[in-house]
Amino acid sequence: MKGYYSRKLHSLLGVIPLGAFLLSHMISNYKAFEGGKEGFASAVHFLNSMPLIFFLELFLIWLPLLYHGVYGLYIAYQANNNVGNFNYERNIRFTVQRITGVITFVFVIWHMYDTRFQIMIGKITHDDLGATMHGIMNNPILFTLYVIGVVSAVFHFTNGLWAFLVSWGITVGPRAQKVSTYICMGLFVLMSVLFVLAMTAFRSSEFEAATAMIDLVKTVLS
């Protein structure tokens, strides 16, 4: 039973906080594609106007996500990846799951530094997030790294969801596991497409105008 409950908790928290984190970001970011600057701004304000949002995020997302990420690195370090010897689909997914877990952990820290941390130290406001993302998305290197990070995070979540259903006894038979594979991989494609569409939307001149306005205000205030 050594490590059994730790791994179970790791599995559970990976589905709940990472899923909540990704879905909330997918919805709010997709508003940039669907509704432009105003749509994105309204989604950001809605999320941040929720009662006790700081404590909700702290206890339902950040602390569970921290545990999942740190313990996940430990699991990845100990994993015996033998994909070269047994090159079949589940073993490949097992290896990719570990790799995307590490990429996701680094990407989330980087993204939070670019956004939430800058808000916390007062360098930007929630209203500036669209302009911040515009600057990132219009840098070809950063845009490529963001695509890699987002797609890795989505795969880690959806493939982890498949493993969660198996390990918790929800999909026990071969047929159920095969069906869940199609569902989870379909979810992976859908979420990835929506995220990439949102990222391309931030490259719009609509957000560029917001950047110019923010720079003008900062110049006047300084």
Protein backbone atom coordinates (compact mmCIF):
# COMPACT_ATOMS: atom_id res chain seq x y z
CA MET A 1 0.00 0.00 0.00
CA LYS A 2 3.09 2.25 0.01
CA GLY A 3 2.24 5.35 -1.99
CA TYR A 4 -1.24 4.04 -2.89
CA TYR A 5 -3.21 6.86 -1.29
CA SER A 6 -0.71 9.48 -2.46
CA ARG A 7 -1.16 8.34 -6.05
CA LYS A 8 -4.93 8.20 -5.68
CA LEU A 9 -4.95 11.75 -4.36
CA HIS A 10 -2.61 12.79 -7.16
CA SER A 11 -4.99 11.24 -9.72
CA LEU A 12 -8.07 12.88 -8.20
CA LEU A 13 -6.55 16.33 -7.86
CA GLY A 14 -5.22 16.15 -11.41
CA VAL A 15 -8.74 15.82 -12.79
CA ILE A 16 -10.37 18.42 -10.54
CA PRO A 17 -7.92 21.38 -10.33
CA LEU A 18 -6.29 20.96 -13.72
CA GLY A 19 -9.67 20.38 -15.30
CA ALA A 20 -11.15 23.44 -13.59
CA PHE A 21 -8.09 25.50 -14.48
CA LEU A 22 -8.16 24.49 -18.14
CA LEU A 23 -11.91 24.76 -18.62
CA SER A 24 -12.16 28.20 -16.99
CA HIS A 25 -9.23 29.43 -19.07
CA MET A 26 -10.62 27.88 -22.23
CA ILE A 27 -13.99 29.57 -21.76
CA SER A 28 -12.62 32.99 -20.84
CA ASN A 29 -9.90 32.96 -23.51
CA TYR A 30 -12.26 31.74 -26.23
CA LYS A 31 -14.32 34.86 -25.55
CA ALA A 32 -11.46 36.75 -27.20
CA PHE A 33 -12.15 34.83 -30.41
CA GLU A 34 -15.92 34.95 -30.08
CA GLY A 35 -16.44 38.45 -28.72
CA GLY A 36 -13.15 40.27 -29.18
CA LYS A 37 -11.69 42.59 -26.58
CA GLU A 38 -15.02 43.31 -24.91
CA GLY A 39 -15.98 39.65 -24.76
CA PHE A 40 -12.69 38.71 -23.14
CA ALA A 41 -12.87 41.60 -20.68
CA SER A 42 -16.39 40.64 -19.59
CA ALA A 43 -15.31 37.01 -19.04
CA VAL A 44 -12.34 38.13 -16.93
CA HIS A 45 -14.52 40.46 -14.86
CA PHE A 46 -17.12 37.73 -14.34
CA LEU A 47 -14.54 35.28 -13.01
CA ASN A 48 -12.92 37.83 -10.73
CA SER A 49 -16.24 39.16 -9.40
CA MET A 50 -17.17 35.80 -7.89
CA PRO A 51 -17.48 35.90 -4.06
CA LEU A 52 -14.32 34.85 -2.21
CA ILE A 53 -12.57 34.23 -5.52
CA PHE A 54 -9.12 34.34 -3.91
CA PHE A 55 -9.93 31.58 -1.42
CA LEU A 56 -11.80 29.54 -4.02
CA GLU A 57 -8.80 29.59 -6.31
CA LEU A 58 -6.34 29.00 -3.47
CA PHE A 59 -8.03 25.92 -1.99
CA LEU A 60 -9.75 24.49 -5.07
CA ILE A 61 -7.10 25.14 -7.72
CA TRP A 62 -3.66 26.38 -6.64
CA LEU A 63 -2.89 24.20 -3.61
CA PRO A 64 -4.26 21.01 -5.23
CA LEU A 65 -2.45 21.89 -8.45
CA LEU A 66 0.78 22.43 -6.52
CA TYR A 67 0.50 18.99 -4.94
CA HIS A 68 -0.36 17.38 -8.26
CA GLY A 69 2.54 19.10 -10.00
CA VAL A 70 5.23 18.41 -7.41
CA TYR A 71 4.17 14.80 -6.81
CA GLY A 72 3.80 14.36 -10.56
CA LEU A 73 7.44 15.37 -11.04
CA TYR A 74 8.37 12.72 -8.49
CA ILE A 75 6.33 10.12 -10.40
CA ALA A 76 7.88 11.18 -13.70
CA TYR A 77 11.36 10.86 -12.19
CA GLN A 78 10.63 7.33 -10.98
CA ALA A 79 8.75 6.20 -14.10
CA ASN A 80 10.22 3.32 -16.08
CA ASN A 81 9.59 4.48 -19.64
CA ASN A 82 10.22 1.43 -21.84
CA VAL A 83 8.51 2.70 -24.98
CA GLY A 84 11.49 1.60 -27.06
CA ASN A 85 10.95 -2.03 -26.03
CA PHE A 86 7.16 -2.09 -26.05
CA ASN A 87 6.03 0.30 -28.74
CA TYR A 88 2.29 0.01 -28.39
CA GLU A 89 -0.33 2.69 -28.03
CA ARG A 90 -0.92 2.66 -24.28
CA ASN A 91 2.77 2.57 -23.50
CA ILE A 92 3.36 5.54 -25.80
CA ARG A 93 0.59 7.46 -24.08
CA PHE A 94 2.11 6.56 -20.70
CA THR A 95 5.43 8.08 -21.76
CA VAL A 96 3.85 11.16 -23.36
CA GLN A 97 1.77 11.65 -20.20
CA ARG A 98 4.95 11.97 -18.14
CA ILE A 99 6.63 14.29 -20.64
CA THR A 100 3.59 16.58 -20.99
CA GLY A 101 3.25 16.65 -17.21
CA VAL A 102 6.69 18.20 -16.87
CA ILE A 103 6.03 20.64 -19.73
CA THR A 104 2.67 21.61 -18.21
CA PHE A 105 4.18 22.23 -14.78
CA VAL A 106 6.79 24.60 -16.23
CA PHE A 107 4.27 26.26 -18.56
CA VAL A 108 1.71 26.97 -15.81
CA ILE A 109 4.38 28.62 -13.65
CA TRP A 110 5.54 30.71 -16.60
CA HIS A 111 1.99 31.71 -17.59
CA MET A 112 1.07 32.61 -14.02
CA TYR A 113 4.18 34.76 -13.77
CA ASP A 114 3.21 36.61 -16.95
CA THR A 115 -0.36 37.22 -15.79
CA ARG A 116 -1.49 36.61 -12.19
CA PHE A 117 1.85 37.50 -10.56
CA GLN A 118 2.08 40.76 -12.52
CA ILE A 119 -1.41 41.64 -11.28
CA MET A 120 -0.46 40.79 -7.69
CA ILE A 121 2.55 43.13 -7.71
CA GLY A 122 0.49 45.88 -9.33
CA LYS A 123 2.36 46.00 -12.62
CA ILE A 124 -0.80 45.35 -14.65
CA THR A 125 -4.53 45.12 -13.94
CA HIS A 126 -7.17 42.63 -15.03
CA ASP A 127 -8.11 45.08 -17.77
CA ASP A 128 -4.57 44.82 -19.14
CA LEU A 129 -4.61 41.05 -19.57
CA GLY A 130 -5.81 41.21 -23.17
CA ALA A 131 -2.99 43.61 -24.08
CA THR A 132 -0.47 41.42 -22.23
CA MET A 133 -1.57 38.36 -24.17
CA HIS A 134 -1.48 40.39 -27.39
CA GLY A 135 2.20 41.14 -26.81
CA ILE A 136 3.00 37.49 -26.09
CA MET A 137 1.00 36.07 -28.99
CA ASN A 138 2.62 38.41 -31.52
CA ASN A 139 6.08 37.15 -30.64
CA PRO A 140 6.60 34.10 -32.93
CA ILE A 141 8.85 32.29 -30.44
CA LEU A 142 6.58 32.90 -27.45
CA PHE A 143 3.52 31.99 -29.51
CA THR A 144 5.11 28.66 -30.48
CA LEU A 145 6.07 27.95 -26.87
CA TYR A 146 2.54 28.80 -25.73
CA VAL A 147 1.05 26.42 -28.30
CA ILE A 148 3.35 23.65 -27.08
CA GLY A 149 2.51 24.41 -23.46
CA VAL A 150 -1.25 24.57 -24.01
CA VAL A 151 -1.44 21.44 -26.16
CA SER A 152 0.72 19.59 -23.62
CA ALA A 153 -1.56 20.69 -20.77
CA VAL A 154 -4.69 19.63 -22.66
CA PHE A 155 -3.24 16.22 -23.55
CA HIS A 156 -2.05 15.69 -19.98
CA PHE A 157 -5.53 16.45 -18.70
CA THR A 158 -7.53 14.43 -21.22
CA ASN A 159 -5.21 11.42 -21.20
CA GLY A 160 -5.08 11.69 -17.41
CA LEU A 161 -8.87 11.68 -17.39
CA TRP A 162 -8.80 8.38 -19.30
CA ALA A 163 -6.36 6.91 -16.76
CA PHE A 164 -8.50 8.26 -13.92
CA LEU A 165 -11.58 6.46 -15.24
CA VAL A 166 -9.59 3.21 -15.41
CA SER A 167 -7.81 3.46 -12.05
CA TRP A 168 -10.99 4.41 -10.18
CA GLY A 169 -12.91 1.46 -11.63
CA ILE A 170 -15.30 3.47 -13.77
CA THR A 171 -14.23 1.96 -17.11
CA VAL A 172 -13.30 -1.63 -16.27
CA GLY A 173 -13.81 -3.57 -19.49
CA PRO A 174 -11.93 -3.34 -22.81
CA ARG A 175 -14.98 -1.94 -24.62
CA ALA A 176 -15.57 0.77 -22.01
CA GLN A 177 -11.90 1.73 -22.09
CA LYS A 178 -11.91 1.88 -25.88
CA VAL A 179 -14.97 4.13 -25.89
CA SER A 180 -13.45 6.37 -23.24
CA THR A 181 -10.28 6.59 -25.37
CA TYR A 182 -12.29 8.01 -28.27
CA ILE A 183 -14.12 10.42 -25.96
CA CYS A 184 -10.99 11.68 -24.19
CA MET A 185 -8.98 12.05 -27.40
CA GLY A 186 -11.92 13.83 -29.03
CA LEU A 187 -11.99 16.18 -26.04
CA PHE A 188 -8.25 16.71 -26.51
CA VAL A 189 -8.74 17.79 -30.13
CA LEU A 190 -11.71 20.05 -29.32
CA MET A 191 -10.03 21.82 -26.39
CA SER A 192 -6.77 22.24 -28.31
CA VAL A 193 -8.56 23.83 -31.26
CA LEU A 194 -10.49 26.23 -29.02
CA PHE A 195 -7.32 27.27 -27.20
CA VAL A 196 -5.38 27.85 -30.43
CA LEU A 197 -8.26 29.89 -31.86
CA ALA A 198 -8.23 32.01 -28.71
CA MET A 199 -4.47 32.54 -28.97
CA THR A 200 -4.75 33.64 -32.59
CA ALA A 201 -7.53 36.05 -31.60
CA PHE A 202 -5.19 37.84 -29.19
CA ARG A 203 -3.00 38.75 -32.18
CA SER A 204 -5.78 40.98 -33.51
CA SER A 205 -5.23 44.73 -33.93
CA GLU A 206 -8.18 45.16 -31.58
CA PHE A 207 -5.90 44.18 -28.70
CA GLU A 208 -3.02 46.14 -30.22
CA ALA A 209 -5.10 49.31 -29.85
CA ALA A 210 -5.56 48.42 -26.20
CA THR A 211 -1.79 48.09 -25.83
CA ALA A 212 -1.21 51.51 -27.32
CA MET A 213 -3.76 53.08 -25.00
CA ILE A 214 -2.23 51.46 -21.93
CA ASP A 215 1.27 52.65 -22.94
CA LEU A 216 -0.10 56.19 -23.40
CA VAL A 217 -1.74 56.19 -19.96
CA LYS A 218 1.43 54.87 -18.31
CA THR A 219 3.50 57.58 -20.07
CA VAL A 220 1.16 60.33 -18.85
CA LEU A 221 1.11 59.00 -15.29
CA SER A 222 4.89 58.70 -15.17
